[in-house]
Protein backbone atom coordinates (compact mmCIF):
# COMPACT_ATOMS: atom_id res chain seq x y z
CA MET A 1 0.00 0.00 0.00
CA HIS A 2 2.81 2.39 0.86
CA ASP A 3 4.41 1.71 -2.54
CA LEU A 4 1.10 2.38 -4.28
CA ARG A 5 0.76 5.76 -2.54
CA ARG A 6 4.33 6.68 -3.44
CA ALA A 7 3.73 5.70 -7.10
CA ALA A 8 0.51 7.75 -7.20
CA ALA A 9 2.26 10.81 -5.73
CA THR A 10 5.08 10.47 -8.22
CA THR A 11 2.57 10.23 -11.07
CA LEU A 12 0.75 13.37 -9.91
CA ARG A 13 4.01 15.32 -9.61
CA THR A 14 5.06 14.18 -13.07
CA ALA A 15 1.68 15.14 -14.58
CA GLY A 16 1.82 18.52 -12.88
CA ALA A 17 5.32 19.15 -14.20
CA VAL A 18 4.24 18.19 -17.71
CA LEU A 19 1.17 20.45 -17.49
CA LEU A 20 3.29 23.34 -16.20
CA ALA A 21 5.81 22.78 -18.98
CA LEU A 22 2.99 22.92 -21.52
CA MET A 23 1.52 26.07 -19.99
CA LEU A 24 4.75 28.07 -19.72
CA PRO A 25 5.34 28.45 -23.49
CA ALA A 26 1.71 29.53 -23.93
CA CYS A 27 2.08 32.16 -21.20
CA ALA A 28 5.36 33.32 -22.67
CA ASN A 29 3.84 33.50 -26.16
CA THR A 30 0.87 35.47 -24.87
CA ARG A 31 3.19 37.90 -23.12
CA GLN A 32 5.22 38.31 -26.33
CA LEU A 33 2.06 39.05 -28.31
CA GLN A 34 0.93 41.57 -25.68
CA VAL A 35 4.26 43.38 -25.97
CA ALA A 36 4.25 43.19 -29.78
CA SER A 37 0.70 44.61 -29.95
CA ALA A 38 1.23 47.40 -27.44
CA GLY A 39 3.37 49.61 -29.62
CA SER A 40 0.90 49.51 -32.52
CA ILE A 41 -2.33 50.07 -30.62
CA GLY A 42 -1.05 52.47 -27.96
CA CYS A 43 -1.83 50.43 -24.84
CA ALA A 44 0.37 49.12 -22.07
CA PRO A 45 1.17 45.39 -22.56
CA VAL A 46 -0.57 44.45 -19.31
CA ASP A 47 -3.82 46.02 -20.61
CA VAL A 48 -3.82 44.04 -23.88
CA GLU A 49 -5.97 40.91 -24.19
CA VAL A 50 -4.83 38.42 -26.85
CA SER A 51 -7.16 35.95 -28.55
CA GLN A 52 -7.76 34.09 -31.83
CA VAL A 53 -4.05 33.30 -32.25
CA ARG A 54 -3.28 31.62 -35.55
CA SER A 55 0.11 30.47 -36.78
CA GLY A 56 1.23 29.75 -40.33
CA VAL A 57 4.52 29.07 -42.04
CA GLY A 58 6.70 31.88 -40.75
CA SER A 59 3.71 34.03 -39.82
CA ARG A 60 1.29 34.63 -36.97
CA SER A 61 -1.96 36.57 -36.55
CA TRP A 62 -4.10 37.37 -33.52
CA VAL A 63 -6.73 39.76 -32.18
CA ALA A 64 -5.62 42.27 -29.54
CA GLN A 65 -8.16 44.09 -27.40
CA CYS A 66 -7.60 47.18 -25.26
CA GLU A 67 -10.20 49.36 -23.55
CA GLY A 68 -12.93 47.61 -25.52
CA ALA A 69 -11.38 48.29 -28.94
CA SER A 70 -10.32 45.33 -31.08
CA PHE A 71 -7.35 45.18 -33.46
CA GLN A 72 -6.32 42.54 -35.97
CA CYS A 73 -2.56 42.06 -35.63
CA SER A 74 -0.09 40.09 -37.72
CA ARG A 75 3.63 39.46 -37.96
CA VAL A 76 5.74 37.69 -40.58
CA GLY A 77 8.94 36.05 -39.36
CA ASP A 78 10.90 38.33 -37.06
CA GLY A 79 9.56 41.47 -38.78
CA CYS A 80 7.51 44.28 -37.33
CA THR A 81 4.04 43.76 -35.96
CA SER A 82 1.19 45.63 -37.63
CA CYS A 83 -2.27 46.10 -36.11
CA ALA A 84 -5.42 47.63 -37.61
CA PRO A 85 -8.84 48.27 -36.04
CA VAL A 86 -11.24 45.39 -36.57
CA ARG A 87 -14.14 46.36 -38.83
CA GLY A 88 -17.61 44.85 -39.17
CA GLY A 89 -20.14 43.32 -36.82
CA SER A 90 -18.88 39.74 -37.20
CA SER A 91 -15.46 40.58 -35.86
CA GLY A 92 -16.43 40.41 -32.22
CA VAL A 93 -16.43 44.18 -31.71
CA ARG A 94 -18.79 44.89 -28.85
CA GLU A 95 -21.50 47.54 -28.69
CA GLY A 96 -19.99 50.94 -27.95
CA ASP A 97 -16.61 50.17 -29.55
CA ASP A 98 -16.89 53.19 -31.85
CA GLU A 99 -16.64 55.55 -28.88
CA ARG A 100 -13.82 53.53 -27.34
CA GLN A 101 -11.86 53.45 -30.60
CA GLU A 102 -12.32 57.20 -31.00
CA ALA A 103 -10.92 57.72 -27.50
CA LEU A 104 -8.00 55.44 -28.37
CA LEU A 105 -7.29 57.31 -31.61
CA ARG A 106 -7.31 60.60 -29.70
CA ARG A 107 -4.69 59.23 -27.31
CA GLN A 108 -2.52 57.88 -30.12
CA GLY A 109 -2.81 61.03 -32.22
CA PRO A 110 -1.22 64.48 -31.93
CA ARG A 111 -0.99 66.77 -28.92
CA PHE A 112 -3.14 69.88 -29.35
CA GLU A 113 -2.41 73.36 -28.02
CA PHE A 114 -4.71 76.35 -28.37
CA SER A 115 -4.52 80.12 -28.35
CA ARG A 116 -7.79 81.59 -27.07
CA ASP A 117 -9.24 84.98 -26.29
CA GLY A 118 -11.85 84.04 -23.73
CA GLU A 119 -13.98 81.44 -25.47
CA THR A 120 -12.80 82.47 -28.94
CA LEU A 121 -10.25 80.25 -30.65
CA ARG A 122 -7.46 82.30 -32.25
CA GLY A 123 -5.01 79.58 -33.22
CA VAL A 124 -4.21 75.89 -32.89
CA ARG A 125 -1.11 73.70 -32.99
CA ALA A 126 -1.06 69.92 -33.52
CA THR A 127 2.22 68.19 -32.60
CA PHE A 128 2.84 64.71 -34.02
CA SER A 129 5.56 62.43 -32.63
CA THR A 130 7.14 60.27 -35.35
CA GLU A 131 10.02 57.83 -35.48
CA HIS A 132 12.64 60.40 -36.47
CA ALA A 133 11.26 63.81 -35.47
CA THR A 134 8.45 65.82 -33.96
CA LEU A 135 6.35 67.72 -36.52
CA ALA A 136 4.19 70.63 -35.37
CA PHE A 137 1.45 72.07 -37.59
CA THR A 138 0.44 75.59 -36.49
CA TYR A 139 -2.51 77.57 -37.84
CA SER A 140 -3.52 81.15 -37.05
CA PRO A 141 -5.93 82.84 -39.48
CA ALA A 142 -4.86 86.28 -38.27
CA GLN A 143 -1.45 85.49 -39.77
CA ALA A 144 -2.44 83.23 -42.68
CA ARG A 145 -5.91 82.12 -43.69
CA ASP A 146 -4.74 79.63 -46.27
CA ALA A 147 -1.39 78.36 -44.99
CA VAL A 148 -0.24 76.12 -42.16
CA MET A 149 3.23 76.46 -40.66
CA VAL A 150 5.16 73.20 -40.25
CA SER A 151 8.16 73.03 -37.91
CA ILE A 152 10.40 69.99 -37.53
CA VAL A 153 12.45 69.07 -34.45
CA PRO A 154 14.66 65.95 -34.75
CA ASN A 155 14.38 63.35 -32.03
CA PRO A 156 17.36 62.97 -29.67
CA GLY A 157 20.21 61.18 -31.41
CA VAL A 158 18.70 61.67 -34.89
CA THR A 159 20.58 63.70 -37.51
CA LEU A 160 18.46 65.08 -40.32
CA GLY A 161 19.93 65.76 -43.74
CA GLY A 162 18.67 66.86 -47.13
CA CYS A 163 16.17 69.24 -45.54
CA THR A 164 15.09 71.11 -48.66
CA HIS A 165 11.37 70.37 -48.85
CA VAL A 166 8.46 68.84 -46.97
CA MET A 167 5.90 67.06 -49.12
CA LEU A 168 2.96 64.70 -49.14
CA VAL A 169 3.14 61.81 -51.62
CA ASP A 170 0.59 59.18 -52.55
CA ALA A 171 0.98 55.39 -52.61
CA ASP A 172 2.70 55.57 -56.01
CA GLY A 173 5.18 58.22 -54.84
CA ALA A 174 3.51 61.04 -56.78
CA THR A 175 3.75 64.46 -55.10
CA LEU A 176 0.42 65.72 -53.74
CA THR A 177 1.64 69.00 -52.24
CA THR A 178 5.06 70.38 -51.35
CA ALA A 179 6.76 73.39 -49.81
CA PRO A 180 10.41 74.43 -49.36
CA LEU A 181 12.01 74.08 -45.93
CA GLN A 182 14.00 76.91 -44.40
CA ASN A 183 15.56 76.35 -40.99
CA LEU A 184 13.34 73.25 -40.65
CA ARG A 185 10.20 75.34 -41.22
CA ALA A 186 7.79 75.44 -44.12
CA GLN A 187 4.37 76.69 -45.13
CA LEU A 188 1.87 74.16 -46.54
CA PRO A 189 -1.45 75.16 -48.12
CA ARG A 190 -4.28 74.56 -45.68
CA ALA A 191 -6.98 73.09 -47.96
CA PRO A 192 -4.76 70.59 -49.86
CA LEU A 193 -3.10 69.49 -46.60
CA LEU A 194 -6.44 68.61 -45.02
CA ARG A 195 -7.83 67.06 -48.20
CA HIS A 196 -4.87 64.78 -48.82
CA THR A 197 -4.49 63.66 -45.20
CA GLN A 198 -8.10 62.41 -45.31
CA ALA A 199 -7.58 60.40 -48.50
CA GLU A 200 -7.60 56.60 -48.67
CA PRO A 201 -4.99 55.24 -48.57
CA ALA A 202 -3.34 57.80 -46.31
CA PRO A 203 -0.36 59.66 -47.82
CA VAL A 204 3.28 59.60 -46.75
CA VAL A 205 5.00 62.75 -45.48
CA ARG A 206 8.56 63.13 -46.76
CA TYR A 207 11.07 65.47 -45.12
CA CYS A 208 14.84 65.57 -44.69
CA ASP A 209 15.33 62.22 -46.46
CA ARG A 210 12.88 60.61 -44.04
CA GLU A 211 9.35 59.27 -44.43
CA TRP A 212 6.36 59.36 -42.12
CA ALA A 213 3.54 57.04 -43.16
CA LEU A 214 0.33 58.39 -41.64
CA ARG A 215 -1.45 55.95 -39.36
CA ARG A 216 -5.21 55.99 -38.85
CA ALA A 217 -4.66 57.93 -35.61
CA ASP A 218 -2.61 60.53 -37.51
CA ALA A 219 -5.30 60.94 -40.17
CA TYR A 220 -7.87 61.32 -37.42
CA GLY A 221 -5.62 63.93 -35.82
CA PHE A 222 -5.58 65.94 -39.05
CA GLU A 223 -9.36 65.63 -39.23
CA ARG A 224 -9.63 67.16 -35.76
CA LEU A 225 -7.08 69.82 -36.71
CA GLY A 226 -9.27 70.76 -39.68
CA GLY A 227 -12.25 71.27 -37.36
CA TYR A 228 -10.25 73.54 -35.09
CA MET A 229 -8.96 75.47 -38.12
CA GLU A 230 -12.50 76.08 -39.31
CA GLU A 231 -13.52 77.26 -35.84
CA ALA A 232 -10.60 79.70 -35.69
CA LEU A 233 -11.24 80.90 -39.25
CA LEU A 234 -14.92 81.61 -38.59
CA ALA A 235 -14.07 83.47 -35.38
CA HIS A 236 -11.52 85.54 -37.28
CA ALA A 237 -14.05 86.34 -40.03
CA GLU A 238 -16.64 87.41 -37.46
CA ARG A 239 -14.15 89.67 -35.73
CA ALA A 240 -13.09 91.17 -39.06
CA THR A 241 -16.71 91.85 -39.95
CA GLY A 242 -17.30 93.43 -36.58
CA ASP A 243 -14.30 95.69 -37.11
CA GLY A 244 -15.65 96.81 -40.48
CA VAL A 245 -13.06 94.85 -42.46
CA ALA A 246 -14.10 92.95 -45.59
CA SER A 247 -14.76 89.37 -44.47
CA GLN A 248 -13.45 86.41 -46.44
CA THR A 249 -14.84 82.94 -45.86
CA SER A 250 -12.92 79.69 -45.91
CA THR A 251 -14.24 78.88 -49.38
CA GLY A 252 -13.80 82.28 -50.97
CA ALA A 253 -10.73 83.65 -49.23
CA SER A 254 -7.89 85.02 -51.26
CA PRO A 255 -4.29 84.29 -50.25
CA THR A 256 -3.20 86.39 -47.31
CA ALA A 257 -0.15 86.93 -45.20
CA ALA A 258 1.65 84.33 -43.13
CA SER A 259 3.95 85.19 -40.28
CA VAL A 260 6.59 82.73 -39.11
CA ASP A 261 7.14 83.39 -35.42
CA THR A 262 9.77 86.06 -36.07
CA ALA A 263 10.04 88.81 -33.50
CA ASP A 264 10.59 91.58 -36.03
CA ASP A 265 7.77 90.56 -38.37
CA VAL A 266 5.06 93.15 -38.85
CA SER A 267 1.39 92.31 -38.36
CA ALA A 268 -0.72 93.20 -41.37
CA ALA A 269 -3.73 93.70 -39.13
CA ASP A 270 -2.11 96.67 -37.40
CA ASP A 271 0.40 98.18 -39.83
CA PRO A 272 -0.72 100.09 -42.98
CA ALA A 273 2.69 99.66 -44.61
CA ALA A 274 2.56 95.89 -44.16
CA ARG A 275 -0.95 95.76 -45.62
CA ALA A 276 0.20 97.76 -48.64
CA VAL A 277 3.19 95.48 -49.23
CA ARG A 278 1.05 92.35 -49.01
CA ILE A 279 -1.33 93.82 -51.59
CA HIS A 280 1.60 94.50 -53.92
CA LEU A 281 2.82 90.91 -53.51
CA ASP A 282 -0.61 89.42 -54.21
CA GLU A 283 -1.13 91.62 -57.27
CA ARG A 284 2.22 90.53 -58.73
CA ALA A 285 1.83 86.89 -57.71
CA ALA A 286 2.05 85.46 -61.25
CA LEU A 287 5.34 87.25 -61.97
CA LEU A 288 6.78 86.26 -58.58
CA ARG A 289 5.89 82.63 -59.26
CA GLY A 290 7.64 82.92 -62.60
CA CYS A 291 10.84 84.11 -60.91
CA ALA A 292 10.78 81.17 -58.47
CA GLY A 293 9.63 78.57 -60.99
CA VAL A 294 6.61 77.69 -58.85
CA GLY A 295 3.36 76.87 -60.62
CA PRO A 296 -0.12 78.11 -59.66
CA ASP A 297 -0.75 74.98 -57.56
CA GLY A 298 2.31 75.49 -55.33
CA VAL A 299 2.92 77.48 -52.17
CA LEU A 300 5.46 80.30 -52.43
CA PRO A 301 6.75 81.82 -49.16
CA LEU A 302 8.40 85.25 -49.48
CA THR A 303 10.17 87.66 -47.16
CA ALA A 304 9.68 91.33 -47.99
CA THR A 305 11.65 94.17 -46.43
CA TRP A 306 11.35 97.89 -47.09
CA ASP A 307 13.32 100.94 -46.05
CA ALA A 308 12.06 104.32 -44.81
CA PRO A 309 11.60 105.73 -48.36
CA GLY A 310 9.46 102.65 -49.16
CA VAL A 311 11.78 100.69 -51.50
CA ILE A 312 10.82 97.00 -51.33
CA THR A 313 13.24 94.04 -51.47
CA VAL A 314 11.87 90.51 -51.92
CA HIS A 315 13.57 87.27 -50.86
CA VAL A 316 12.17 83.87 -51.95
CA ASN A 317 12.33 81.68 -48.86
CA GLY A 318 14.16 78.39 -49.18
CA ARG A 319 16.16 79.48 -52.25
CA GLU A 320 19.85 80.38 -52.27
CA ASP A 321 20.00 81.60 -55.88
CA ALA A 322 20.71 85.35 -55.93
CA ALA A 323 19.24 85.63 -59.43
CA ILE A 324 15.85 84.44 -58.10
CA HIS A 325 15.86 87.09 -55.38
CA ALA A 326 16.91 89.78 -57.85
CA CYS A 327 14.09 88.76 -60.19
CA ALA A 328 11.52 88.85 -57.39
CA THR A 329 12.73 92.27 -56.24
CA SER A 330 12.56 93.62 -59.79
CA VAL A 331 8.90 92.57 -60.00
CA LEU A 332 8.11 95.18 -57.32
CA ARG A 333 10.52 97.78 -58.67
CA GLU A 334 7.67 100.17 -59.52
CA ARG A 335 5.81 99.53 -56.25
CA ARG A 336 6.48 101.29 -52.94
CA ALA A 337 5.57 100.85 -49.31
CA PRO A 338 4.26 103.96 -47.55
CA ALA A 339 7.26 106.12 -46.67
CA GLY A 340 8.16 106.69 -43.08
CA VAL A 341 9.19 103.53 -41.20
CA ALA A 342 11.19 100.52 -42.43
CA GLY A 343 9.70 97.07 -41.91
CA ARG A 344 9.79 93.36 -42.64
CA LEU A 345 7.22 90.61 -43.08
CA ILE A 346 6.84 87.04 -44.33
CA HIS A 347 4.11 86.45 -46.88
CA VAL A 348 2.79 83.24 -48.45
CA LEU A 349 1.31 83.03 -51.93
CA ALA A 350 -1.17 80.19 -51.58
CA PRO A 351 -2.26 77.98 -54.51
CA ASN A 352 -4.62 79.60 -56.99
């Protein structure tokens, strides 16, 4: 009897060891899938639930859930994991997932900052964190109705080179919109930027020999940015109307000035000389584009300076060719700023 009890105990210990040995790889695999999913869906690994794991030859797929949102994930070999929101009612998405996924996209998307005057929105900035750099898109209709300023800050340890332009390209590599970079800053046209970032498939942003493929959260961030832009633009138009200034709507606005966070820039809203210079630049837009070799669909940022007698000098931003600057200056040779005080401004010719 004693031997039988000993044999039974040994059998139980052996079975338990075998069961534990079988369970450990499964736990380890689940943990690996939690970690692999976390970076793509924006949740901590401990908050990720893994299910429907399927393995193929050199590949694996699974469903990851976080805060009620479901994502279909896959990985081939030792490559990167990619996850996309699960679509359709048969996918196991529970009631109310739309709200949860929207909250998740907000958390994964850009950081927003606002400039307000009481309850009135004056400007907005959306800051996106990418693999190589942080890109901030700033919009203030008082400075530019039809242009968005883009500033690029490289991530620690990243060296950026070839910083001549920032552009959006489609899946075939065709350029959708582009603007020259100067000191890691550029001006992109507002309407094309919002239109292309909402396209399917989402475009790729190229800058400084790097690429940023927009995720769904990024596209949603641009959609929110567009809403804030419209709010700020309408508030600006209402204020302009209240001040007795001709109002221009978002659909019928003509290109206006764009300031680039420079301390000595002049505000067109307050300075008659600056307003006059901007009018001269807009009236001679076609000739200025000819000097720079920029077509009617492109954005052309300019810096204009004038002395006390009112003589205007024009510099095409992002260009180092003296002949281009001389050509642009000659276009305004017969035009003058009001005499009295010298000044400087940055102006953007938006697409026609």
